[in-house]
Amino acid sequence: MTKLTSGQSTSTEEHGAQHPALSVILCINRPNPWWQAALSSVLTQDDPDFEFLIAANACTDELWSTLQALATSDARVRLFRTSIGQLSFNLNALADQANGDYLVRMDADDIAAPHRISTLRKRLAESPVDILGSAVTLIDEGDQIIGRMDFPLAHADILRMLKRRTVFCHPAVAIRRQFLLDMRGYLGGYHSEDTDLWLRARRAGARMENLPDALLSYRIHAQQSTGTRAGYAEVSGHWLREFLLRPCLYTLEGLLIALAKTLIKRILPGNRYYRTCQEAR
């Protein structure tokens, strides 16, 4: 990875446990109709005290030039350019370079609520968990609200529901940086690097919570990889690993449910919004 542009960063030591430093991390490899709005929603937060790390992975020179112009206008932005397009690789690269106590995920097609950073910081100061997520509002390609996804809030409920449904919206989470490093980062997967992390986090005894607030508008559109056959197959593989490592009723149930979802994928309705909501139940 080549570090090409960096701005001012926030030192973790300046804040301490009562004011956790935050690093927003975002990966982008091609322009889409919403990426500038996504970045703007981060840079206009009501709490401006964070650094914003962007990995331009396998991108065009034109997109890189546009990002460089943005970085020169806001010292919080730090740019990195890589030639590897895999999301998990670039998230790990940003985690390695970040200065914050927590890594706040963001995708280049979503919109952060104006109070997302301030809400996360307040909650993490009160309860420094390893993974903190939130509810999300669902929006379409034209920014129209089409639904909402809520997730189990308490740690025990997250563990109970993990074998049945999606328990976090990946771009809506904040992850304690040292925890992610101790977990050796994201391990891979083209479509399910997040589920892999949640399963390993459970095995490692991570503390996990969700907020009831919808802190992100999650966009549903045709270019997403959500709900693909390969994604379901990968999740089944993750659960098989968990069962082989720790065979018990819990991991067996998780494996069987994942396999069943994979097998019936062909008969699921084609509506992406429907599939997204089904995964959240």
Foldseek 3Di string as FASTA:
>chain_A
DDFDFAFDFDAQVVAPLLFFAEEEEEEDAEDDPQQVQAVVLLCQAPDNRYAYEYEHELHDPVVVVVVVVVCVVDRSYTYHYYDDDAPQVRVVVVLVVHRTQKYQAAYRRKHFANHLVVVVRNVCSVPVFFKEFEKAFEAEPVRHTDGIFGAAFAQVRLLVCLLPFDHHDVNGMMGRSVVCVVVVGQDDDRAPSPNLVVLVCVVVVTGYGYYHDHRMHHYDDDPDPPLPLSNLVVQLVSLVVVCVVPPDPSSVSSNVNSVVCSVCSVVDDPDRVVVNRNRRD
